[in-house]
mmCIF file of all heavy atoms, coordinates in Angstrom:
data_MODEL
# 
_entry.id   MODEL 
# 
loop_
_atom_site.group_PDB 
_atom_site.id 
_atom_site.type_symbol 
_atom_site.label_atom_id 
_atom_site.label_alt_id 
_atom_site.label_comp_id 
_atom_site.label_asym_id 
_atom_site.label_entity_id 
_atom_site.label_seq_id 
_atom_site.pdbx_PDB_ins_code 
_atom_site.Cartn_x 
_atom_site.Cartn_y 
_atom_site.Cartn_z 
_atom_site.occupancy 
_atom_site.B_iso_or_equiv 
_atom_site.pdbx_formal_charge 
_atom_site.auth_seq_id 
_atom_site.auth_comp_id 
_atom_site.auth_asym_id 
_atom_site.auth_atom_id 
_atom_site.pdbx_PDB_model_num 
ATOM 1   N N   . GLN A 1 1  ? 0.822  -1.211  0.000  1.00 0.00 ? 1  GLN A N   1 
ATOM 2   C CA  . GLN A 1 1  ? 0.000  0.000   0.000  1.00 0.00 ? 1  GLN A CA  1 
ATOM 3   C C   . GLN A 1 1  ? 0.854  1.260   0.000  1.00 0.00 ? 1  GLN A C   1 
ATOM 4   O O   . GLN A 1 1  ? 1.906  1.309   0.656  1.00 0.00 ? 1  GLN A O   1 
ATOM 5   C CB  . GLN A 1 1  ? -0.915 0.017   1.231  1.00 0.00 ? 1  GLN A CB  1 
ATOM 6   C CG  . GLN A 1 1  ? -1.890 1.162   1.226  1.00 0.00 ? 1  GLN A CG  1 
ATOM 7   C CD  . GLN A 1 1  ? -3.289 0.730   1.623  1.00 0.00 ? 1  GLN A CD  1 
ATOM 8   O OE1 . GLN A 1 1  ? -3.723 -0.370  1.295  1.00 0.00 ? 1  GLN A OE1 1 
ATOM 9   N NE2 . GLN A 1 1  ? -3.984 1.585   2.332  1.00 0.00 ? 1  GLN A NE2 1 
ATOM 10  N N   . SER A 1 2  ? 0.389  2.277   -0.723 1.00 0.00 ? 2  SER A N   1 
ATOM 11  C CA  . SER A 1 2  ? 0.975  3.627   -0.751 1.00 0.00 ? 2  SER A CA  1 
ATOM 12  C C   . SER A 1 2  ? 2.432  3.598   -1.226 1.00 0.00 ? 2  SER A C   1 
ATOM 13  O O   . SER A 1 2  ? 2.855  2.684   -1.917 1.00 0.00 ? 2  SER A O   1 
ATOM 14  C CB  . SER A 1 2  ? 0.855  4.289   0.621  1.00 0.00 ? 2  SER A CB  1 
ATOM 15  O OG  . SER A 1 2  ? -0.502 4.330   0.999  1.00 0.00 ? 2  SER A OG  1 
ATOM 16  N N   . GLU A 1 3  ? 3.176  4.617   -0.840 1.00 0.00 ? 3  GLU A N   1 
ATOM 17  C CA  . GLU A 1 3  ? 4.567  4.719   -1.270 1.00 0.00 ? 3  GLU A CA  1 
ATOM 18  C C   . GLU A 1 3  ? 5.433  5.207   -0.114 1.00 0.00 ? 3  GLU A C   1 
ATOM 19  O O   . GLU A 1 3  ? 5.008  6.059   0.670  1.00 0.00 ? 3  GLU A O   1 
ATOM 20  C CB  . GLU A 1 3  ? 4.710  5.739   -2.414 1.00 0.00 ? 3  GLU A CB  1 
ATOM 21  C CG  . GLU A 1 3  ? 4.006  5.360   -3.695 1.00 0.00 ? 3  GLU A CG  1 
ATOM 22  C CD  . GLU A 1 3  ? 4.123  6.461   -4.744 1.00 0.00 ? 3  GLU A CD  1 
ATOM 23  O OE1 . GLU A 1 3  ? 4.319  7.639   -4.359 1.00 0.00 ? 3  GLU A OE1 1 
ATOM 24  O OE2 . GLU A 1 3  ? 4.020  6.154   -5.946 1.00 0.00 ? 3  GLU A OE2 1 
ATOM 25  N N   . ILE A 1 4  ? 6.626  4.659   -0.016 1.00 0.00 ? 4  ILE A N   1 
ATOM 26  C CA  . ILE A 1 4  ? 7.620  5.257   0.879  1.00 0.00 ? 4  ILE A CA  1 
ATOM 27  C C   . ILE A 1 4  ? 8.476  6.223   0.056  1.00 0.00 ? 4  ILE A C   1 
ATOM 28  O O   . ILE A 1 4  ? 8.717  7.354   0.455  1.00 0.00 ? 4  ILE A O   1 
ATOM 29  C CB  . ILE A 1 4  ? 8.497  4.171   1.549  1.00 0.00 ? 4  ILE A CB  1 
ATOM 30  C CG1 . ILE A 1 4  ? 7.639  3.351   2.531  1.00 0.00 ? 4  ILE A CG1 1 
ATOM 31  C CG2 . ILE A 1 4  ? 9.679  4.822   2.279  1.00 0.00 ? 4  ILE A CG2 1 
ATOM 32  C CD1 . ILE A 1 4  ? 8.387  2.226   3.221  1.00 0.00 ? 4  ILE A CD1 1 
ATOM 33  N N   . ARG A 1 5  ? 8.895  5.761   -1.148 1.00 0.00 ? 5  ARG A N   1 
ATOM 34  C CA  . ARG A 1 5  ? 9.640  6.604   -2.076 1.00 0.00 ? 5  ARG A CA  1 
ATOM 35  C C   . ARG A 1 5  ? 8.825  6.752   -3.364 1.00 0.00 ? 5  ARG A C   1 
ATOM 36  O O   . ARG A 1 5  ? 8.359  5.753   -3.916 1.00 0.00 ? 5  ARG A O   1 
ATOM 37  C CB  . ARG A 1 5  ? 11.015 5.991   -2.382 1.00 0.00 ? 5  ARG A CB  1 
ATOM 38  C CG  . ARG A 1 5  ? 12.045 6.247   -1.289 1.00 0.00 ? 5  ARG A CG  1 
ATOM 39  C CD  . ARG A 1 5  ? 13.358 5.548   -1.573 1.00 0.00 ? 5  ARG A CD  1 
ATOM 40  N NE  . ARG A 1 5  ? 13.252 4.118   -1.302 1.00 0.00 ? 5  ARG A NE  1 
ATOM 41  C CZ  . ARG A 1 5  ? 13.431 3.575   -0.084 1.00 0.00 ? 5  ARG A CZ  1 
ATOM 42  N NH1 . ARG A 1 5  ? 13.718 4.347   0.940  1.00 0.00 ? 5  ARG A NH1 1 
ATOM 43  N NH2 . ARG A 1 5  ? 13.318 2.271   0.095  1.00 0.00 ? 5  ARG A NH2 1 
ATOM 44  N N   . ALA A 1 6  ? 8.648  7.974   -3.789 1.00 0.00 ? 6  ALA A N   1 
ATOM 45  C CA  . ALA A 1 6  ? 7.816  8.260   -4.969 1.00 0.00 ? 6  ALA A CA  1 
ATOM 46  C C   . ALA A 1 6  ? 8.302  7.485   -6.190 1.00 0.00 ? 6  ALA A C   1 
ATOM 47  O O   . ALA A 1 6  ? 9.509  7.402   -6.458 1.00 0.00 ? 6  ALA A O   1 
ATOM 48  C CB  . ALA A 1 6  ? 7.836  9.758   -5.263 1.00 0.00 ? 6  ALA A CB  1 
ATOM 49  N N   . GLY A 1 7  ? 7.338  6.907   -6.887 1.00 0.00 ? 7  GLY A N   1 
ATOM 50  C CA  . GLY A 1 7  ? 7.649  6.222   -8.130 1.00 0.00 ? 7  GLY A CA  1 
ATOM 51  C C   . GLY A 1 7  ? 8.062  4.778   -7.977 1.00 0.00 ? 7  GLY A C   1 
ATOM 52  O O   . GLY A 1 7  ? 8.160  4.053   -8.970 1.00 0.00 ? 7  GLY A O   1 
ATOM 53  N N   . GLU A 1 8  ? 8.337  4.337   -6.746 1.00 0.00 ? 8  GLU A N   1 
ATOM 54  C CA  . GLU A 1 8  ? 8.724  2.939   -6.518 1.00 0.00 ? 8  GLU A CA  1 
ATOM 55  C C   . GLU A 1 8  ? 7.477  2.101   -6.234 1.00 0.00 ? 8  GLU A C   1 
ATOM 56  O O   . GLU A 1 8  ? 6.426  2.635   -5.889 1.00 0.00 ? 8  GLU A O   1 
ATOM 57  C CB  . GLU A 1 8  ? 9.718  2.854   -5.350 1.00 0.00 ? 8  GLU A CB  1 
ATOM 58  C CG  . GLU A 1 8  ? 11.072 3.452   -5.686 1.00 0.00 ? 8  GLU A CG  1 
ATOM 59  C CD  . GLU A 1 8  ? 12.126 3.135   -4.640 1.00 0.00 ? 8  GLU A CD  1 
ATOM 60  O OE1 . GLU A 1 8  ? 11.833 2.364   -3.700 1.00 0.00 ? 8  GLU A OE1 1 
ATOM 61  O OE2 . GLU A 1 8  ? 13.246 3.671   -4.771 1.00 0.00 ? 8  GLU A OE2 1 
ATOM 62  N N   . PRO A 1 9  ? 7.576  0.763   -6.369 1.00 0.00 ? 9  PRO A N   1 
ATOM 63  C CA  . PRO A 1 9  ? 6.407  -0.088  -6.104 1.00 0.00 ? 9  PRO A CA  1 
ATOM 64  C C   . PRO A 1 9  ? 5.886  0.093   -4.678 1.00 0.00 ? 9  PRO A C   1 
ATOM 65  O O   . PRO A 1 9  ? 6.637  0.470   -3.767 1.00 0.00 ? 9  PRO A O   1 
ATOM 66  C CB  . PRO A 1 9  ? 6.959  -1.513  -6.293 1.00 0.00 ? 9  PRO A CB  1 
ATOM 67  C CG  . PRO A 1 9  ? 8.169  -1.348  -7.139 1.00 0.00 ? 9  PRO A CG  1 
ATOM 68  C CD  . PRO A 1 9  ? 8.746  -0.013  -6.801 1.00 0.00 ? 9  PRO A CD  1 
ATOM 69  N N   . GLU A 1 10 ? 4.605  -0.160  -4.517 1.00 0.00 ? 10 GLU A N   1 
ATOM 70  C CA  . GLU A 1 10 ? 4.006  -0.065  -3.178 1.00 0.00 ? 10 GLU A CA  1 
ATOM 71  C C   . GLU A 1 10 ? 4.675  -1.080  -2.239 1.00 0.00 ? 10 GLU A C   1 
ATOM 72  O O   . GLU A 1 10 ? 4.773  -2.266  -2.583 1.00 0.00 ? 10 GLU A O   1 
ATOM 73  C CB  . GLU A 1 10 ? 2.509  -0.358  -3.242 1.00 0.00 ? 10 GLU A CB  1 
ATOM 74  C CG  . GLU A 1 10 ? 1.694  0.709   -3.951 1.00 0.00 ? 10 GLU A CG  1 
ATOM 75  C CD  . GLU A 1 10 ? 0.215  0.396   -3.923 1.00 0.00 ? 10 GLU A CD  1 
ATOM 76  O OE1 . GLU A 1 10 ? -0.159 -0.670  -4.452 1.00 0.00 ? 10 GLU A OE1 1 
ATOM 77  O OE2 . GLU A 1 10 ? -0.554 1.188   -3.376 1.00 0.00 ? 10 GLU A OE2 1 
ATOM 78  N N   . PRO A 1 11 ? 5.137  -0.645  -1.076 1.00 0.00 ? 11 PRO A N   1 
ATOM 79  C CA  . PRO A 1 11 ? 5.813  -1.576  -0.168 1.00 0.00 ? 11 PRO A CA  1 
ATOM 80  C C   . PRO A 1 11 ? 4.824  -2.424  0.631  1.00 0.00 ? 11 PRO A C   1 
ATOM 81  O O   . PRO A 1 11 ? 3.635  -2.102  0.726  1.00 0.00 ? 11 PRO A O   1 
ATOM 82  C CB  . PRO A 1 11 ? 6.583  -0.638  0.768  1.00 0.00 ? 11 PRO A CB  1 
ATOM 83  C CG  . PRO A 1 11 ? 5.753  0.602   0.798  1.00 0.00 ? 11 PRO A CG  1 
ATOM 84  C CD  . PRO A 1 11 ? 5.111  0.716   -0.558 1.00 0.00 ? 11 PRO A CD  1 
ATOM 85  N N   . GLN A 1 12 ? 5.346  -3.503  1.209  1.00 0.00 ? 12 GLN A N   1 
ATOM 86  C CA  . GLN A 1 12 ? 4.562  -4.265  2.188  1.00 0.00 ? 12 GLN A CA  1 
ATOM 87  C C   . GLN A 1 12 ? 4.276  -3.330  3.363  1.00 0.00 ? 12 GLN A C   1 
ATOM 88  O O   . GLN A 1 12 ? 5.157  -2.589  3.798  1.00 0.00 ? 12 GLN A O   1 
ATOM 89  C CB  . GLN A 1 12 ? 5.365  -5.463  2.699  1.00 0.00 ? 12 GLN A CB  1 
ATOM 90  C CG  . GLN A 1 12 ? 5.715  -6.490  1.638  1.00 0.00 ? 12 GLN A CG  1 
ATOM 91  C CD  . GLN A 1 12 ? 6.884  -7.350  2.096  1.00 0.00 ? 12 GLN A CD  1 
ATOM 92  O OE1 . GLN A 1 12 ? 8.031  -6.930  1.986  1.00 0.00 ? 12 GLN A OE1 1 
ATOM 93  N NE2 . GLN A 1 12 ? 6.598  -8.546  2.602  1.00 0.00 ? 12 GLN A NE2 1 
ATOM 94  N N   . ILE A 1 13 ? 3.070  -3.372  3.893  1.00 0.00 ? 13 ILE A N   1 
ATOM 95  C CA  . ILE A 1 13 ? 2.762  -2.431  4.982  1.00 0.00 ? 13 ILE A CA  1 
ATOM 96  C C   . ILE A 1 13 ? 3.558  -2.783  6.248  1.00 0.00 ? 13 ILE A C   1 
ATOM 97  O O   . ILE A 1 13 ? 3.683  -1.956  7.147  1.00 0.00 ? 13 ILE A O   1 
ATOM 98  C CB  . ILE A 1 13 ? 1.243  -2.332  5.283  1.00 0.00 ? 13 ILE A CB  1 
ATOM 99  C CG1 . ILE A 1 13 ? 0.633  -3.680  5.665  1.00 0.00 ? 13 ILE A CG1 1 
ATOM 100 C CG2 . ILE A 1 13 ? 0.507  -1.714  4.106  1.00 0.00 ? 13 ILE A CG2 1 
ATOM 101 C CD1 . ILE A 1 13 ? -0.823 -3.570  6.116  1.00 0.00 ? 13 ILE A CD1 1 
ATOM 102 N N   . LEU A 1 14 ? 4.143  -3.984  6.288  1.00 0.00 ? 14 LEU A N   1 
ATOM 103 C CA  . LEU A 1 14 ? 5.000  -4.348  7.419  1.00 0.00 ? 14 LEU A CA  1 
ATOM 104 C C   . LEU A 1 14 ? 6.313  -3.561  7.397  1.00 0.00 ? 14 LEU A C   1 
ATOM 105 O O   . LEU A 1 14 ? 7.035  -3.526  8.393  1.00 0.00 ? 14 LEU A O   1 
ATOM 106 C CB  . LEU A 1 14 ? 5.283  -5.855  7.397  1.00 0.00 ? 14 LEU A CB  1 
ATOM 107 C CG  . LEU A 1 14 ? 5.729  -6.520  8.707  1.00 0.00 ? 14 LEU A CG  1 
ATOM 108 C CD1 . LEU A 1 14 ? 4.758  -6.246  9.839  1.00 0.00 ? 14 LEU A CD1 1 
ATOM 109 C CD2 . LEU A 1 14 ? 5.906  -8.012  8.514  1.00 0.00 ? 14 LEU A CD2 1 
ATOM 110 N N   . ASP A 1 15 ? 6.611  -2.903  6.257  1.00 0.00 ? 15 ASP A N   1 
ATOM 111 C CA  . ASP A 1 15 ? 7.823  -2.091  6.182  1.00 0.00 ? 15 ASP A CA  1 
ATOM 112 C C   . ASP A 1 15 ? 7.639  -0.715  6.813  1.00 0.00 ? 15 ASP A C   1 
ATOM 113 O O   . ASP A 1 15 ? 8.614  -0.018  7.065  1.00 0.00 ? 15 ASP A O   1 
ATOM 114 C CB  . ASP A 1 15 ? 8.264  -1.909  4.717  1.00 0.00 ? 15 ASP A CB  1 
ATOM 115 C CG  . ASP A 1 15 ? 8.873  -3.190  4.144  1.00 0.00 ? 15 ASP A CG  1 
ATOM 116 O OD1 . ASP A 1 15 ? 9.339  -4.023  4.944  1.00 0.00 ? 15 ASP A OD1 1 
ATOM 117 O OD2 . ASP A 1 15 ? 8.863  -3.350  2.916  1.00 0.00 ? 15 ASP A OD2 1 
ATOM 118 N N   . TYR A 1 16 ? 6.381  -0.323  7.059  1.00 0.00 ? 16 TYR A N   1 
ATOM 119 C CA  . TYR A 1 16 ? 6.133  0.976   7.676  1.00 0.00 ? 16 TYR A CA  1 
ATOM 120 C C   . TYR A 1 16 ? 6.415  0.900   9.175  1.00 0.00 ? 16 TYR A C   1 
ATOM 121 O O   . TYR A 1 16 ? 5.932  0.004   9.867  1.00 0.00 ? 16 TYR A O   1 
ATOM 122 C CB  . TYR A 1 16 ? 4.689  1.426   7.453  1.00 0.00 ? 16 TYR A CB  1 
ATOM 123 C CG  . TYR A 1 16 ? 4.400  1.841   6.028  1.00 0.00 ? 16 TYR A CG  1 
ATOM 124 C CD1 . TYR A 1 16 ? 3.780  0.955   5.143  1.00 0.00 ? 16 TYR A CD1 1 
ATOM 125 C CD2 . TYR A 1 16 ? 4.737  3.113   5.573  1.00 0.00 ? 16 TYR A CD2 1 
ATOM 126 C CE1 . TYR A 1 16 ? 3.507  1.331   3.833  1.00 0.00 ? 16 TYR A CE1 1 
ATOM 127 C CE2 . TYR A 1 16 ? 4.475  3.496   4.263  1.00 0.00 ? 16 TYR A CE2 1 
ATOM 128 C CZ  . TYR A 1 16 ? 3.862  2.597   3.404  1.00 0.00 ? 16 TYR A CZ  1 
ATOM 129 O OH  . TYR A 1 16 ? 3.608  2.978   2.111  1.00 0.00 ? 16 TYR A OH  1 
ATOM 130 N N   . GLN A 1 17 ? 7.176  1.883   9.655  1.00 0.00 ? 17 GLN A N   1 
ATOM 131 C CA  . GLN A 1 17 ? 7.530  1.884   11.077 1.00 0.00 ? 17 GLN A CA  1 
ATOM 132 C C   . GLN A 1 17 ? 6.288  1.953   11.964 1.00 0.00 ? 17 GLN A C   1 
ATOM 133 O O   . GLN A 1 17 ? 6.232  1.337   13.039 1.00 0.00 ? 17 GLN A O   1 
ATOM 134 C CB  . GLN A 1 17 ? 8.455  3.068   11.381 1.00 0.00 ? 17 GLN A CB  1 
ATOM 135 C CG  . GLN A 1 17 ? 9.089  3.003   12.767 1.00 0.00 ? 17 GLN A CG  1 
ATOM 136 C CD  . GLN A 1 17 ? 9.948  4.214   13.060 1.00 0.00 ? 17 GLN A CD  1 
ATOM 137 O OE1 . GLN A 1 17 ? 9.449  5.334   13.173 1.00 0.00 ? 17 GLN A OE1 1 
ATOM 138 N NE2 . GLN A 1 17 ? 11.253 4.003   13.161 1.00 0.00 ? 17 GLN A NE2 1 
ATOM 139 N N   . THR A 1 18 ? 5.269  2.689   11.521 1.00 0.00 ? 18 THR A N   1 
ATOM 140 C CA  . THR A 1 18 ? 4.040  2.799   12.325 1.00 0.00 ? 18 THR A CA  1 
ATOM 141 C C   . THR A 1 18 ? 3.371  1.433   12.496 1.00 0.00 ? 18 THR A C   1 
ATOM 142 O O   . THR A 1 18 ? 2.855  1.120   13.571 1.00 0.00 ? 18 THR A O   1 
ATOM 143 C CB  . THR A 1 18 ? 3.043  3.782   11.676 1.00 0.00 ? 18 THR A CB  1 
ATOM 144 O OG1 . THR A 1 18 ? 2.887  3.440   10.290 1.00 0.00 ? 18 THR A OG1 1 
ATOM 145 C CG2 . THR A 1 18 ? 3.518  5.211   11.825 1.00 0.00 ? 18 THR A CG2 1 
ATOM 146 N N   . GLN A 1 19 ? 3.389  0.627   11.415 1.00 0.00 ? 19 GLN A N   1 
ATOM 147 C CA  . GLN A 1 19 ? 2.791  -0.716  11.498 1.00 0.00 ? 19 GLN A CA  1 
ATOM 148 C C   . GLN A 1 19 ? 3.607  -1.603  12.434 1.00 0.00 ? 19 GLN A C   1 
ATOM 149 O O   . GLN A 1 19 ? 3.059  -2.362  13.229 1.00 0.00 ? 19 GLN A O   1 
ATOM 150 C CB  . GLN A 1 19 ? 2.711  -1.337  10.098 1.00 0.00 ? 19 GLN A CB  1 
ATOM 151 C CG  . GLN A 1 19 ? 1.864  -2.611  10.009 1.00 0.00 ? 19 GLN A CG  1 
ATOM 152 C CD  . GLN A 1 19 ? 0.364  -2.323  10.000 1.00 0.00 ? 19 GLN A CD  1 
ATOM 153 O OE1 . GLN A 1 19 ? -0.073 -1.243  10.366 1.00 0.00 ? 19 GLN A OE1 1 
ATOM 154 N NE2 . GLN A 1 19 ? -0.430 -3.311  9.612  1.00 0.00 ? 19 GLN A NE2 1 
ATOM 155 N N   . GLN A 1 20 ? 4.915  -1.495  12.341 1.00 0.00 ? 20 GLN A N   1 
ATOM 156 C CA  . GLN A 1 20 ? 5.789  -2.266  13.247 1.00 0.00 ? 20 GLN A CA  1 
ATOM 157 C C   . GLN A 1 20 ? 5.552  -1.856  14.695 1.00 0.00 ? 20 GLN A C   1 
ATOM 158 O O   . GLN A 1 20 ? 5.511  -2.702  15.588 1.00 0.00 ? 20 GLN A O   1 
ATOM 159 C CB  . GLN A 1 20 ? 7.256  -2.035  12.866 1.00 0.00 ? 20 GLN A CB  1 
ATOM 160 C CG  . GLN A 1 20 ? 7.641  -2.581  11.506 1.00 0.00 ? 20 GLN A CG  1 
ATOM 161 C CD  . GLN A 1 20 ? 9.003  -2.084  11.041 1.00 0.00 ? 20 GLN A CD  1 
ATOM 162 O OE1 . GLN A 1 20 ? 9.791  -1.550  11.832 1.00 0.00 ? 20 GLN A OE1 1 
ATOM 163 N NE2 . GLN A 1 20 ? 9.287  -2.239  9.748  1.00 0.00 ? 20 GLN A NE2 1 
ATOM 164 N N   . TYR A 1 21 ? 5.371  -0.551  14.925 1.00 0.00 ? 21 TYR A N   1 
ATOM 165 C CA  . TYR A 1 21 ? 5.174  -0.050  16.288 1.00 0.00 ? 21 TYR A CA  1 
ATOM 166 C C   . TYR A 1 21 ? 3.827  -0.506  16.853 1.00 0.00 ? 21 TYR A C   1 
ATOM 167 O O   . TYR A 1 21 ? 3.695  -0.717  18.056 1.00 0.00 ? 21 TYR A O   1 
ATOM 168 C CB  . TYR A 1 21 ? 5.262  1.478   16.306 1.00 0.00 ? 21 TYR A CB  1 
ATOM 169 C CG  . TYR A 1 21 ? 5.278  2.061   17.699 1.00 0.00 ? 21 TYR A CG  1 
ATOM 170 C CD1 . TYR A 1 21 ? 6.354  1.841   18.567 1.00 0.00 ? 21 TYR A CD1 1 
ATOM 171 C CD2 . TYR A 1 21 ? 4.213  2.829   18.162 1.00 0.00 ? 21 TYR A CD2 1 
ATOM 172 C CE1 . TYR A 1 21 ? 6.371  2.370   19.844 1.00 0.00 ? 21 TYR A CE1 1 
ATOM 173 C CE2 . TYR A 1 21 ? 4.222  3.364   19.440 1.00 0.00 ? 21 TYR A CE2 1 
ATOM 174 C CZ  . TYR A 1 21 ? 5.301  3.127   20.283 1.00 0.00 ? 21 TYR A CZ  1 
ATOM 175 O OH  . TYR A 1 21 ? 5.309  3.646   21.548 1.00 0.00 ? 21 TYR A OH  1 
ATOM 176 N N   . LYS A 1 22 ? 2.840  -0.673  15.967 1.00 0.00 ? 22 LYS A N   1 
ATOM 177 C CA  . LYS A 1 22 ? 1.545  -1.210  16.415 1.00 0.00 ? 22 LYS A CA  1 
ATOM 178 C C   . LYS A 1 22 ? 1.668  -2.685  16.793 1.00 0.00 ? 22 LYS A C   1 
ATOM 179 O O   . LYS A 1 22 ? 1.134  -3.130  17.816 1.00 0.00 ? 22 LYS A O   1 
ATOM 180 C CB  . LYS A 1 22 ? 0.495  -1.092  15.295 1.00 0.00 ? 22 LYS A CB  1 
ATOM 181 C CG  . LYS A 1 22 ? -0.028 0.284   15.016 1.00 0.00 ? 22 LYS A CG  1 
ATOM 182 C CD  . LYS A 1 22 ? -0.971 0.204   13.798 1.00 0.00 ? 22 LYS A CD  1 
ATOM 183 C CE  . LYS A 1 22 ? -1.257 1.569   13.222 1.00 0.00 ? 22 LYS A CE  1 
ATOM 184 N NZ  . LYS A 1 22 ? -1.979 1.490   11.936 1.00 0.00 ? 22 LYS A NZ  1 
ATOM 185 N N   . LEU A 1 23 ? 2.369  -3.459  15.931 1.00 0.00 ? 23 LEU A N   1 
ATOM 186 C CA  . LEU A 1 23 ? 2.261  -4.920  16.013 1.00 0.00 ? 23 LEU A CA  1 
ATOM 187 C C   . LEU A 1 23 ? 3.386  -5.625  16.766 1.00 0.00 ? 23 LEU A C   1 
ATOM 188 O O   . LEU A 1 23 ? 3.134  -6.617  17.458 1.00 0.00 ? 23 LEU A O   1 
ATOM 189 C CB  . LEU A 1 23 ? 2.160  -5.504  14.597 1.00 0.00 ? 23 LEU A CB  1 
ATOM 190 C CG  . LEU A 1 23 ? 0.900  -5.117  13.809 1.00 0.00 ? 23 LEU A CG  1 
ATOM 191 C CD1 . LEU A 1 23 ? 0.939  -5.698  12.407 1.00 0.00 ? 23 LEU A CD1 1 
ATOM 192 C CD2 . LEU A 1 23 ? -0.364 -5.573  14.528 1.00 0.00 ? 23 LEU A CD2 1 
ATOM 193 N N   . PHE A 1 24 ? 4.621  -5.161  16.647 1.00 0.00 ? 24 PHE A N   1 
ATOM 194 C CA  . PHE A 1 24 ? 5.730  -5.920  17.246 1.00 0.00 ? 24 PHE A CA  1 
ATOM 195 C C   . PHE A 1 24 ? 5.684  -5.932  18.778 1.00 0.00 ? 24 PHE A C   1 
ATOM 196 O O   . PHE A 1 24 ? 5.986  -6.970  19.383 1.00 0.00 ? 24 PHE A O   1 
ATOM 197 C CB  . PHE A 1 24 ? 7.077  -5.415  16.728 1.00 0.00 ? 24 PHE A CB  1 
ATOM 198 C CG  . PHE A 1 24 ? 7.315  -5.682  15.256 1.00 0.00 ? 24 PHE A CG  1 
ATOM 199 C CD1 . PHE A 1 24 ? 8.470  -5.237  14.624 1.00 0.00 ? 24 PHE A CD1 1 
ATOM 200 C CD2 . PHE A 1 24 ? 6.373  -6.377  14.495 1.00 0.00 ? 24 PHE A CD2 1 
ATOM 201 C CE1 . PHE A 1 24 ? 8.688  -5.478  13.275 1.00 0.00 ? 24 PHE A CE1 1 
ATOM 202 C CE2 . PHE A 1 24 ? 6.578  -6.623  13.137 1.00 0.00 ? 24 PHE A CE2 1 
ATOM 203 C CZ  . PHE A 1 24 ? 7.736  -6.158  12.528 1.00 0.00 ? 24 PHE A CZ  1 
ATOM 204 N N   . PRO A 1 25 ? 5.309  -4.837  19.449 1.00 0.00 ? 25 PRO A N   1 
ATOM 205 C CA  . PRO A 1 25 ? 5.152  -4.942  20.910 1.00 0.00 ? 25 PRO A CA  1 
ATOM 206 C C   . PRO A 1 25 ? 4.056  -5.932  21.315 1.00 0.00 ? 25 PRO A C   1 
ATOM 207 O O   . PRO A 1 25 ? 4.162  -6.580  22.359 1.00 0.00 ? 25 PRO A O   1 
ATOM 208 C CB  . PRO A 1 25 ? 4.785  -3.513  21.331 1.00 0.00 ? 25 PRO A CB  1 
ATOM 209 C CG  . PRO A 1 25 ? 5.380  -2.641  20.269 1.00 0.00 ? 25 PRO A CG  1 
ATOM 210 C CD  . PRO A 1 25 ? 5.202  -3.431  18.999 1.00 0.00 ? 25 PRO A CD  1 
ATOM 211 N N   . LEU A 1 26 ? 3.025  -6.065  20.463 1.00 0.00 ? 26 LEU A N   1 
ATOM 212 C CA  . LEU A 1 26 ? 1.953  -7.028  20.764 1.00 0.00 ? 26 LEU A CA  1 
ATOM 213 C C   . LEU A 1 26 ? 2.446  -8.456  20.554 1.00 0.00 ? 26 LEU A C   1 
ATOM 214 O O   . LEU A 1 26 ? 2.043  -9.375  21.278 1.00 0.00 ? 26 LEU A O   1 
ATOM 215 C CB  . LEU A 1 26 ? 0.726  -6.751  19.888 1.00 0.00 ? 26 LEU A CB  1 
ATOM 216 C CG  . LEU A 1 26 ? 0.152  -5.332  19.959 1.00 0.00 ? 26 LEU A CG  1 
ATOM 217 C CD1 . LEU A 1 26 ? -1.141 -5.248  19.163 1.00 0.00 ? 26 LEU A CD1 1 
ATOM 218 C CD2 . LEU A 1 26 ? -0.090 -4.904  21.399 1.00 0.00 ? 26 LEU A CD2 1 
ATOM 219 N N   . LEU A 1 27 ? 3.299  -8.643  19.555 1.00 0.00 ? 27 LEU A N   1 
ATOM 220 C CA  . LEU A 1 27 ? 3.932  -9.944  19.336 1.00 0.00 ? 27 LEU A CA  1 
ATOM 221 C C   . LEU A 1 27 ? 4.792  -10.306 20.551 1.00 0.00 ? 27 LEU A C   1 
ATOM 222 O O   . LEU A 1 27 ? 4.749  -11.442 21.050 1.00 0.00 ? 27 LEU A O   1 
ATOM 223 C CB  . LEU A 1 27 ? 4.776  -9.895  18.064 1.00 0.00 ? 27 LEU A CB  1 
ATOM 224 C CG  . LEU A 1 27 ? 5.618  -11.125 17.718 1.00 0.00 ? 27 LEU A CG  1 
ATOM 225 C CD1 . LEU A 1 27 ? 4.748  -12.353 17.527 1.00 0.00 ? 27 LEU A CD1 1 
ATOM 226 C CD2 . LEU A 1 27 ? 6.451  -10.857 16.463 1.00 0.00 ? 27 LEU A CD2 1 
ATOM 227 N N   . ALA A 1 28 ? 5.549  -9.334  21.045 1.00 0.00 ? 28 ALA A N   1 
ATOM 228 C CA  . ALA A 1 28 ? 6.367  -9.555  22.246 1.00 0.00 ? 28 ALA A CA  1 
ATOM 229 C C   . ALA A 1 28 ? 5.485  -9.892  23.442 1.00 0.00 ? 28 ALA A C   1 
ATOM 230 O O   . ALA A 1 28 ? 5.807  -10.776 24.250 1.00 0.00 ? 28 ALA A O   1 
ATOM 231 C CB  . ALA A 1 28 ? 7.203  -8.304  22.538 1.00 0.00 ? 28 ALA A CB  1 
ATOM 232 N N   . MET A 1 29 ? 4.345  -9.200  23.541 1.00 0.00 ? 29 MET A N   1 
ATOM 233 C CA  . MET A 1 29 ? 3.415  -9.457  24.637 1.00 0.00 ? 29 MET A CA  1 
ATOM 234 C C   . MET A 1 29 ? 2.838  -10.873 24.547 1.00 0.00 ? 29 MET A C   1 
ATOM 235 O O   . MET A 1 29 ? 2.668  -11.555 25.571 1.00 0.00 ? 29 MET A O   1 
ATOM 236 C CB  . MET A 1 29 ? 2.277  -8.430  24.597 1.00 0.00 ? 29 MET A CB  1 
ATOM 237 C CG  . MET A 1 29 ? 1.373  -8.458  25.832 1.00 0.00 ? 29 MET A CG  1 
ATOM 238 S SD  . MET A 1 29 ? -0.167 -7.551  25.565 1.00 0.00 ? 29 MET A SD  1 
ATOM 239 C CE  . MET A 1 29 ? 0.454  -5.906  25.272 1.00 0.00 ? 29 MET A CE  1 
# 
């Protein structure tokens, strides 16, 4: 979804730091 760098393919949303911040602490929990 969306872009991190303009013109490049849409990244996996797991590459977004916000998504990691939502999910990885819950994985640790």
